[in-house]
Amino acid sequence: MFTKSNRLNGALRASSLKDLVSQTNFEDLLQLRSLVMYVVSFSGFLRSAEILELRRSDIIYKSDDIEINIVKSKTDHLRDGKTLVIAETGGDLCPVKLLQLYLSKVEIPDNSKEYIFWAISSSRSRRSLFLPTGTFRTLLTENLSKRHLRVLFLTFETI
């Protein structure tokens, strides 16, 4: 009666991320945002809810790493939060450098409480970040949903 699905979700591999880096147009904000989400999630073992809840003020740059404050997590039952350290690795897959590049392109100030991963508007001529601030780059009032992130990951798995 009930059949097991033939589709198995395999683990994301570093080689898949390397392939994605080689295909990414770093001038395209949508592609860069997706790549940074994948690499930071992979490097920090972050769940979709954790990556989507990141705010700019949760990220602190050190000399050769970043500290990310995870405010709440599925495994943090007391809701004490935790600090995640991700080291600079150098090379194309360095999560620290990719995150710095992305944050410089979206121009979110260091002390901002804004989410760092937002929906992106796409047209033929440009891509714009949707922020809830009423500024030039705004249209939406919510950041990316977990469902949207899952769709991005599923799309990535088929590449």
Protein backbone atom coordinates (compact mmCIF):
# COMPACT_ATOMS: atom_id res chain seq x y z
CA MET A 1 0.00 0.00 0.00
CA PHE A 2 2.50 2.60 1.12
CA THR A 3 5.60 2.74 -1.00
CA LYS A 4 8.87 4.25 -0.05
CA SER A 5 9.99 7.15 -2.19
CA ASN A 6 12.68 6.29 -4.71
CA ARG A 7 14.21 9.72 -4.28
CA LEU A 8 16.88 9.87 -1.60
CA ASN A 9 18.12 13.21 -0.34
CA GLY A 10 21.87 12.93 -0.29
CA ALA A 11 24.24 15.14 1.63
CA LEU A 12 25.47 18.31 0.02
CA ARG A 13 29.08 17.80 -1.02
CA ALA A 14 31.93 20.30 -1.21
CA SER A 15 32.49 19.27 -4.84
CA SER A 16 28.93 20.37 -5.66
CA LEU A 17 29.62 23.75 -4.07
CA LYS A 18 32.84 24.07 -6.08
CA ASP A 19 30.87 23.43 -9.26
CA LEU A 20 28.32 26.04 -8.22
CA VAL A 21 31.07 28.61 -7.52
CA SER A 22 32.49 28.09 -11.00
CA GLN A 23 29.03 28.69 -12.53
CA THR A 24 28.10 31.70 -10.38
CA ASN A 25 28.02 35.21 -11.82
CA PHE A 26 29.25 37.27 -8.85
CA GLU A 27 27.70 40.42 -10.33
CA ASP A 28 24.24 38.82 -10.20
CA LEU A 29 22.84 39.50 -6.72
CA LEU A 30 20.41 36.57 -6.86
CA GLN A 31 23.13 34.05 -7.74
CA LEU A 32 25.53 35.51 -5.17
CA ARG A 33 22.89 35.45 -2.41
CA SER A 34 22.08 31.81 -3.12
CA LEU A 35 25.74 30.81 -3.19
CA VAL A 36 26.47 32.59 0.11
CA MET A 37 23.46 30.92 1.75
CA TYR A 38 24.67 27.49 0.62
CA VAL A 39 28.31 28.00 1.60
CA VAL A 40 27.62 29.57 5.02
CA SER A 41 25.00 26.91 5.79
CA PHE A 42 27.40 24.17 4.74
CA SER A 43 30.36 25.64 6.66
CA GLY A 44 28.42 26.27 9.85
CA PHE A 45 26.08 23.25 9.72
CA LEU A 46 23.15 25.67 9.83
CA ARG A 47 19.52 24.72 9.36
CA SER A 48 17.33 26.74 7.01
CA ALA A 49 15.59 28.50 9.91
CA GLU A 50 18.95 29.51 11.37
CA ILE A 51 20.35 30.97 8.13
CA LEU A 52 17.11 32.83 7.39
CA GLU A 53 17.02 34.42 10.85
CA LEU A 54 20.52 35.92 10.58
CA ARG A 55 20.66 39.66 11.04
CA ARG A 56 23.60 41.87 10.16
CA SER A 57 24.21 42.65 13.85
CA ASP A 58 24.60 38.89 14.53
CA ILE A 59 27.82 38.77 12.48
CA ILE A 60 31.13 39.92 13.92
CA TYR A 61 34.28 39.92 11.79
CA LYS A 62 37.54 38.95 13.50
CA SER A 63 41.05 38.87 12.01
CA ASP A 64 40.74 35.45 10.38
CA ASP A 65 37.20 34.28 11.11
CA ILE A 66 33.65 35.41 11.73
CA GLU A 67 31.50 34.90 14.78
CA ILE A 68 27.81 34.40 14.15
CA ASN A 69 25.35 34.74 16.98
CA ILE A 70 22.59 32.15 16.57
CA VAL A 71 19.73 33.61 18.61
CA LYS A 72 17.54 30.52 18.53
CA SER A 73 17.93 27.02 17.22
CA LYS A 74 15.92 23.82 17.09
CA THR A 75 18.44 22.16 19.40
CA ASP A 76 18.68 25.10 21.82
CA HIS A 77 15.76 24.18 24.08
CA LEU A 78 16.57 26.82 26.70
CA ARG A 79 16.86 29.53 24.01
CA ASP A 80 20.20 30.70 25.39
CA GLY A 81 21.62 31.23 21.91
CA LYS A 82 25.06 30.19 20.76
CA THR A 83 28.05 31.66 19.01
CA LEU A 84 29.26 29.94 15.89
CA VAL A 85 32.80 30.55 14.66
CA ILE A 86 33.54 30.04 10.97
CA ALA A 87 37.18 30.26 9.93
CA GLU A 88 38.51 31.94 6.85
CA THR A 89 39.63 29.18 4.50
CA GLY A 90 40.93 31.11 1.51
CA GLY A 91 40.12 30.01 -2.00
CA ASP A 92 36.86 30.16 -3.93
CA LEU A 93 34.73 28.52 -1.23
CA CYS A 94 35.79 30.74 1.68
CA PRO A 95 32.57 31.51 3.58
CA VAL A 96 34.08 34.60 5.21
CA LYS A 97 35.10 36.22 1.91
CA LEU A 98 31.84 35.28 0.17
CA LEU A 99 29.77 36.72 3.02
CA GLN A 100 31.85 39.92 2.98
CA LEU A 101 31.31 40.25 -0.77
CA TYR A 102 27.57 39.73 -0.46
CA LEU A 103 27.21 42.18 2.44
CA SER A 104 29.18 44.82 0.55
CA LYS A 105 26.85 44.47 -2.44
CA VAL A 106 23.61 44.68 -0.45
CA GLU A 107 24.95 47.62 1.57
CA ILE A 108 23.49 46.68 4.96
CA PRO A 109 25.30 48.67 7.69
CA ASP A 110 27.35 46.70 10.24
CA ASN A 111 25.18 47.62 13.23
CA SER A 112 21.88 47.06 11.44
CA LYS A 113 19.20 44.75 12.84
CA GLU A 114 18.07 43.90 9.29
CA TYR A 115 17.94 40.32 8.05
CA ILE A 116 20.78 39.68 5.64
CA PHE A 117 18.97 37.35 3.25
CA TRP A 118 15.98 38.98 1.56
CA ALA A 119 13.89 38.30 -1.47
CA ILE A 120 15.32 39.76 -4.67
CA SER A 121 13.37 41.42 -7.45
CA SER A 122 14.52 40.45 -10.90
CA SER A 123 14.09 42.27 -14.19
CA ARG A 124 15.97 42.18 -17.46
CA SER A 125 18.17 45.09 -16.55
CA ARG A 126 18.79 44.65 -12.80
CA ARG A 127 18.11 42.83 -9.56
CA SER A 128 17.02 44.68 -6.44
CA LEU A 129 16.90 43.70 -2.80
CA PHE A 130 13.48 43.92 -1.13
CA LEU A 131 13.79 45.45 2.35
CA PRO A 132 11.05 46.64 4.70
CA THR A 133 12.63 50.05 5.28
CA GLY A 134 10.76 52.12 2.71
CA THR A 135 13.98 52.90 0.87
CA PHE A 136 14.90 52.56 -2.81
CA ARG A 137 15.40 48.83 -2.48
CA THR A 138 12.15 47.89 -0.75
CA LEU A 139 8.84 46.20 -1.63
CA LEU A 140 8.32 43.29 0.78
CA THR A 141 7.76 43.22 4.53
CA GLU A 142 9.16 39.76 5.22
CA ASN A 143 12.44 38.03 4.55
CA LEU A 144 12.75 34.77 2.63
CA SER A 145 10.54 31.97 3.83
CA LYS A 146 11.79 28.51 4.79
CA ARG A 147 9.72 27.14 1.92
CA HIS A 148 11.47 29.41 -0.58
CA LEU A 149 14.88 28.34 0.76
CA ARG A 150 13.92 24.67 0.42
CA VAL A 151 12.94 25.30 -3.20
CA LEU A 152 16.36 26.90 -3.78
CA PHE A 153 18.10 23.88 -2.24
CA LEU A 154 16.01 21.42 -4.25
CA THR A 155 16.78 23.37 -7.41
CA PHE A 156 20.47 23.24 -6.54
CA GLU A 157 20.33 19.45 -6.06
CA THR A 158 19.13 19.02 -9.64
CA ILE A 159 21.99 21.05 -11.17
